[in-house]
Amino acid sequence: MCLRGTGETVRSRSGEAVATDPPSAPAAPRPWPSDHRRIVDLSHVVSPSMPTFDDEKPRREPTGPVQADGAFGFWLQRWTLTEHTGTHLDAPAHVIGGGRTVPEIAPHELVVPAAVIDIRARAAEDPDTVVTVDDVLAFERVHGPIPAGAAVLMNSGWDARWPQGDGAVRGVGEDGAWHFPGFGPEACEYLVSRRGVSGVGVDTLSTDPGTTTEYPAHEVVGRADRWGLECLRGLDQLPPSGATLVVGVLPGEEASGGPCRVLAMW
């Protein structure tokens, strides 16, 4: 659909009225230079009403009036949010003093193979479940060894709760405690020491399960100088292996993390 008035008469720089036709549709996309044929966005949209780990929500305000439909002008908004809002990356500095910040993470660490470990059936029965070393070994028996530099992603199906708000995403139980899946520290230790992964990712609010008070998975990943991705979505659309993950993280100066647009291609 073209903007209002584009099919009518526009004024040239000389002041002469020039008849125009609606802009033509973009050309058909060319084949990818690699074998990638699909792209999936694994990111939640940032909004003031989105679920968050704490009670501080993103805030946005326009810096000027919104343009009328079809009118030309510059519309800007001012956002206020923490580094760890929505789909985001935890840099090592988030949990380890002196650890690397976001700008210090090398580009090749942010474009990596993706291995997706599916624990949805178990998470539906036990929200406190975690990814274990046995899960990693079971994955590798079917899909082969996880390559060095890969990202290992937990698909618990928890992203389906996102539209239901904080209570559902936090998994608040009758006891008032939070209950959602995460990574066990033993699995993280195995992945960083035996497989040399670049990082791990989850479709929940935290790399650690909701019941934790010590955050051992965060500590293992951070001390190993790896990153973590939290609040992913759509992992059920990815193949267990064979996809490439692209992590577009906001490179704030000395940032301990940052909101991301995470894409998967295969």
Protein backbone atom coordinates (compact mmCIF):
# COMPACT_ATOMS: atom_id res chain seq x y z
CA MET A 1 0.00 0.00 0.00
CA CYS A 2 1.43 3.38 -0.94
CA LEU A 3 1.26 6.49 1.21
CA ARG A 4 -1.69 8.79 0.77
CA GLY A 5 -1.17 11.09 -2.20
CA THR A 6 1.68 9.22 -3.87
CA GLY A 7 -0.50 8.42 -6.86
CA GLU A 8 -1.47 12.05 -7.32
CA THR A 9 0.55 15.10 -8.28
CA VAL A 10 3.70 16.07 -6.40
CA ARG A 11 5.74 19.24 -6.59
CA SER A 12 9.22 19.12 -8.10
CA ARG A 13 12.13 21.12 -6.69
CA SER A 14 11.61 23.67 -9.48
CA GLY A 15 8.03 24.20 -8.39
CA GLU A 16 6.59 22.48 -11.44
CA ALA A 17 3.77 20.04 -10.88
CA VAL A 18 4.84 16.56 -11.91
CA ALA A 19 2.48 13.63 -12.29
CA THR A 20 3.65 10.47 -10.60
CA ASP A 21 2.60 6.86 -10.51
CA PRO A 22 2.48 4.81 -7.33
CA PRO A 23 5.91 3.37 -6.50
CA SER A 24 6.48 -0.04 -7.98
CA ALA A 25 6.66 -3.08 -5.73
CA PRO A 26 10.14 -4.18 -4.62
CA ALA A 27 11.85 -6.64 -6.88
CA ALA A 28 11.62 -10.30 -5.95
CA PRO A 29 14.36 -11.16 -3.45
CA ARG A 30 17.47 -12.75 -4.85
CA PRO A 31 18.57 -16.14 -3.57
CA TRP A 32 20.63 -16.06 -0.41
CA PRO A 33 24.37 -16.29 -1.03
CA SER A 34 24.40 -19.26 1.36
CA ASP A 35 21.89 -22.05 1.76
CA HIS A 36 19.66 -20.05 4.09
CA ARG A 37 16.04 -20.10 2.97
CA ARG A 38 14.19 -19.25 6.18
CA ILE A 39 14.53 -16.50 8.76
CA VAL A 40 12.73 -16.50 12.12
CA ASP A 41 12.63 -13.60 14.57
CA LEU A 42 13.21 -14.93 18.09
CA SER A 43 12.62 -11.57 19.80
CA HIS A 44 9.70 -10.22 21.81
CA VAL A 45 8.47 -6.72 20.99
CA VAL A 46 9.45 -4.22 23.67
CA SER A 47 6.41 -2.48 25.13
CA PRO A 48 5.42 -0.74 28.38
CA SER A 49 3.15 -3.67 29.28
CA MET A 50 5.56 -6.53 28.61
CA PRO A 51 6.51 -9.11 31.27
CA THR A 52 9.73 -8.28 33.11
CA PHE A 53 11.93 -9.82 35.79
CA ASP A 54 11.26 -6.92 38.15
CA ASP A 55 8.44 -4.41 38.37
CA GLU A 56 10.19 -1.68 36.36
CA LYS A 57 8.55 -1.51 32.94
CA PRO A 58 9.86 0.12 29.77
CA ARG A 59 8.56 3.65 29.30
CA ARG A 60 8.13 5.49 26.02
CA GLU A 61 7.05 8.99 25.18
CA PRO A 62 6.94 10.87 21.88
CA THR A 63 9.21 13.86 21.63
CA GLY A 64 6.76 15.66 19.36
CA PRO A 65 3.37 15.30 17.71
CA VAL A 66 2.60 12.27 15.59
CA GLN A 67 2.33 13.07 11.88
CA ALA A 68 -1.06 12.75 10.24
CA ASP A 69 -1.51 9.71 7.99
CA GLY A 70 0.42 10.27 4.78
CA ALA A 71 2.14 13.44 5.98
CA PHE A 72 5.92 13.77 5.80
CA GLY A 73 7.79 14.58 8.98
CA PHE A 74 10.11 13.16 11.62
CA TRP A 75 8.54 11.26 14.50
CA LEU A 76 10.73 10.33 17.45
CA GLN A 77 10.15 8.60 20.75
CA ARG A 78 12.14 8.53 23.96
CA TRP A 79 12.50 5.12 25.61
CA THR A 80 13.54 4.44 29.19
CA LEU A 81 14.42 0.84 30.03
CA THR A 82 17.05 -1.25 31.74
CA GLU A 83 19.73 -3.17 29.84
CA HIS A 84 18.06 -6.47 30.74
CA THR A 85 14.60 -5.86 29.32
CA GLY A 86 12.71 -8.19 27.00
CA THR A 87 14.77 -10.39 24.70
CA HIS A 88 18.26 -9.48 25.81
CA LEU A 89 21.86 -10.60 26.19
CA ASP A 90 23.71 -10.99 29.48
CA ALA A 91 27.37 -10.14 29.04
CA PRO A 92 29.90 -11.68 31.47
CA ALA A 93 30.10 -8.30 33.23
CA HIS A 94 26.47 -8.70 34.29
CA VAL A 95 27.46 -11.23 36.96
CA ILE A 96 31.27 -11.25 37.22
CA GLY A 97 33.30 -8.25 38.34
CA GLY A 98 35.73 -7.21 35.60
CA GLY A 99 33.98 -9.43 33.05
CA ARG A 100 33.62 -8.41 29.44
CA THR A 101 30.97 -5.86 28.53
CA VAL A 102 28.77 -5.99 25.43
CA PRO A 103 31.10 -4.02 23.12
CA GLU A 104 33.94 -6.36 24.05
CA ILE A 105 32.11 -9.41 22.72
CA ALA A 106 33.60 -10.22 19.32
CA PRO A 107 31.33 -10.28 16.25
CA HIS A 108 32.07 -13.94 15.55
CA GLU A 109 30.63 -14.78 18.98
CA LEU A 110 27.28 -13.29 17.94
CA VAL A 111 26.80 -15.18 14.64
CA VAL A 112 26.89 -18.82 15.65
CA PRO A 113 25.38 -22.27 15.06
CA ALA A 114 22.27 -22.95 17.12
CA ALA A 115 21.45 -26.18 18.94
CA VAL A 116 17.89 -26.33 20.30
CA ILE A 117 17.21 -28.70 23.19
CA ASP A 118 13.50 -29.40 23.55
CA ILE A 119 12.25 -29.96 27.10
CA ARG A 120 8.64 -28.86 26.48
CA ALA A 121 7.01 -32.11 27.54
CA ARG A 122 8.89 -32.18 30.83
CA ALA A 123 8.35 -28.46 31.51
CA ALA A 124 4.60 -28.89 31.04
CA GLU A 125 4.60 -31.34 33.94
CA ASP A 126 7.33 -29.78 36.08
CA PRO A 127 7.91 -26.02 35.75
CA ASP A 128 11.04 -26.31 37.94
CA THR A 129 12.82 -28.62 35.52
CA VAL A 130 16.25 -27.74 34.15
CA VAL A 131 18.40 -28.67 31.17
CA THR A 132 20.80 -31.39 32.33
CA VAL A 133 23.96 -33.04 31.03
CA ASP A 134 21.79 -36.04 30.14
CA ASP A 135 19.66 -33.76 27.95
CA VAL A 136 22.79 -32.60 26.15
CA LEU A 137 24.02 -36.16 25.62
CA ALA A 138 20.58 -37.31 24.42
CA PHE A 139 20.54 -34.43 21.93
CA GLU A 140 23.98 -35.37 20.62
CA ARG A 141 23.06 -39.04 20.16
CA VAL A 142 20.45 -37.93 17.64
CA HIS A 143 21.94 -34.77 16.11
CA GLY A 144 25.68 -35.23 16.54
CA PRO A 145 28.16 -33.28 18.67
CA ILE A 146 27.36 -29.66 19.44
CA PRO A 147 30.00 -27.66 17.52
CA ALA A 148 32.46 -25.38 19.27
CA GLY A 149 31.25 -21.79 19.30
CA ALA A 150 27.58 -22.76 19.13
CA ALA A 151 24.69 -21.35 21.13
CA VAL A 152 22.65 -23.94 23.02
CA LEU A 153 19.02 -22.88 23.38
CA MET A 154 16.42 -24.28 25.78
CA ASN A 155 12.97 -24.70 24.22
CA SER A 156 10.61 -25.09 27.16
CA GLY A 157 7.55 -23.65 25.42
CA TRP A 158 7.40 -20.95 28.10
CA ASP A 159 7.14 -18.15 25.52
CA ALA A 160 3.49 -19.11 24.98
CA ARG A 161 2.80 -17.51 28.37
CA TRP A 162 4.13 -14.11 27.31
CA PRO A 163 0.73 -12.58 26.38
CA GLN A 164 -0.64 -13.60 29.80
CA GLY A 165 1.61 -11.17 31.67
CA ASP A 166 3.98 -11.19 34.62
CA GLY A 167 2.26 -13.78 36.80
CA ALA A 168 2.16 -16.45 34.11
CA VAL A 169 5.68 -15.77 32.81
CA ARG A 170 7.13 -15.74 36.31
CA GLY A 171 5.19 -18.91 37.10
CA VAL A 172 3.98 -17.56 40.43
CA GLY A 173 2.73 -20.49 42.50
CA GLU A 174 0.40 -20.73 45.44
CA ASP A 175 3.45 -20.39 47.66
CA GLY A 176 4.25 -17.05 46.05
CA ALA A 177 7.51 -18.41 44.64
CA TRP A 178 8.46 -18.27 40.98
CA HIS A 179 8.49 -21.47 38.95
CA PHE A 180 9.92 -21.63 35.43
CA PRO A 181 12.54 -23.81 33.69
CA GLY A 182 16.20 -22.96 33.15
CA PHE A 183 19.65 -24.48 32.80
CA GLY A 184 21.26 -26.60 35.47
CA PRO A 185 24.80 -25.47 36.37
CA GLU A 186 26.23 -28.92 35.55
CA ALA A 187 24.91 -28.67 32.00
CA CYS A 188 26.39 -25.17 31.66
CA GLU A 189 29.75 -26.39 32.95
CA TYR A 190 29.69 -29.29 30.47
CA LEU A 191 28.80 -27.01 27.57
CA VAL A 192 31.51 -24.44 28.22
CA SER A 193 34.30 -26.84 29.24
CA ARG A 194 33.62 -29.83 26.98
CA ARG A 195 31.91 -28.21 23.99
CA GLY A 196 33.33 -24.68 24.00
CA VAL A 197 29.99 -23.00 23.30
CA SER A 198 29.69 -19.22 22.85
CA GLY A 199 26.64 -19.00 25.04
CA VAL A 200 23.28 -20.37 26.11
CA GLY A 201 19.75 -19.10 25.65
CA VAL A 202 16.33 -19.60 27.22
CA ASP A 203 12.70 -18.77 26.44
CA THR A 204 12.13 -17.80 30.10
CA LEU A 205 13.05 -14.76 32.20
CA SER A 206 16.35 -16.20 33.41
CA THR A 207 19.08 -18.67 32.53
CA ASP A 208 18.54 -20.13 36.00
CA PRO A 209 15.17 -21.64 36.94
CA GLY A 210 12.65 -19.45 38.74
CA THR A 211 13.16 -21.14 42.11
CA THR A 212 16.85 -20.24 42.36
CA THR A 213 18.29 -17.89 44.92
CA GLU A 214 21.97 -18.45 44.10
CA TYR A 215 21.94 -18.22 40.27
CA PRO A 216 24.58 -20.90 39.70
CA ALA A 217 23.98 -21.18 35.94
CA HIS A 218 24.61 -17.45 35.58
CA GLU A 219 27.83 -17.81 37.56
CA VAL A 220 29.13 -20.74 35.53
CA VAL A 221 28.39 -19.03 32.22
CA GLY A 222 29.75 -15.67 33.37
CA ARG A 223 32.96 -17.07 34.87
CA ALA A 224 33.55 -18.96 31.63
CA ASP A 225 33.40 -15.59 29.80
CA ARG A 226 30.31 -16.61 27.83
CA TRP A 227 27.03 -14.80 27.24
CA GLY A 228 23.44 -15.74 27.98
CA LEU A 229 20.28 -14.91 26.07
CA GLU A 230 16.98 -14.59 27.91
CA CYS A 231 13.33 -14.16 26.86
CA LEU A 232 13.62 -15.78 23.45
CA ARG A 233 10.51 -16.82 21.58
CA GLY A 234 9.57 -19.06 18.66
CA LEU A 235 12.19 -21.73 19.29
CA ASP A 236 9.67 -24.36 18.21
CA GLN A 237 10.05 -23.03 14.66
CA LEU A 238 13.76 -23.88 14.51
CA PRO A 239 15.29 -27.22 13.56
CA PRO A 240 17.18 -28.88 16.45
CA SER A 241 20.42 -28.29 14.55
CA GLY A 242 21.47 -26.57 11.35
CA ALA A 243 20.32 -23.00 12.03
CA THR A 244 22.59 -19.98 12.35
CA LEU A 245 21.84 -17.53 15.16
CA VAL A 246 22.42 -13.80 14.66
CA VAL A 247 22.39 -11.78 17.90
CA GLY A 248 21.86 -8.07 17.23
CA VAL A 249 22.55 -6.61 20.66
CA LEU A 250 22.58 -2.89 21.49
CA PRO A 251 26.30 -2.08 21.98
CA GLY A 252 26.04 0.36 24.86
CA GLU A 253 29.25 1.72 26.30
CA GLU A 254 30.36 -0.54 29.18
CA ALA A 255 26.95 -2.25 29.00
CA SER A 256 26.41 -5.33 31.14
CA GLY A 257 23.81 -6.47 28.63
CA GLY A 258 21.39 -5.13 26.10
CA PRO A 259 18.07 -5.63 24.33
CA CYS A 260 18.41 -7.79 21.22
CA ARG A 261 16.84 -8.54 17.88
CA VAL A 262 17.74 -12.22 17.59
CA LEU A 263 17.32 -13.91 14.20
CA ALA A 264 17.73 -17.54 13.20
CA MET A 265 18.49 -18.56 9.61
CA TRP A 266 18.68 -21.95 7.96
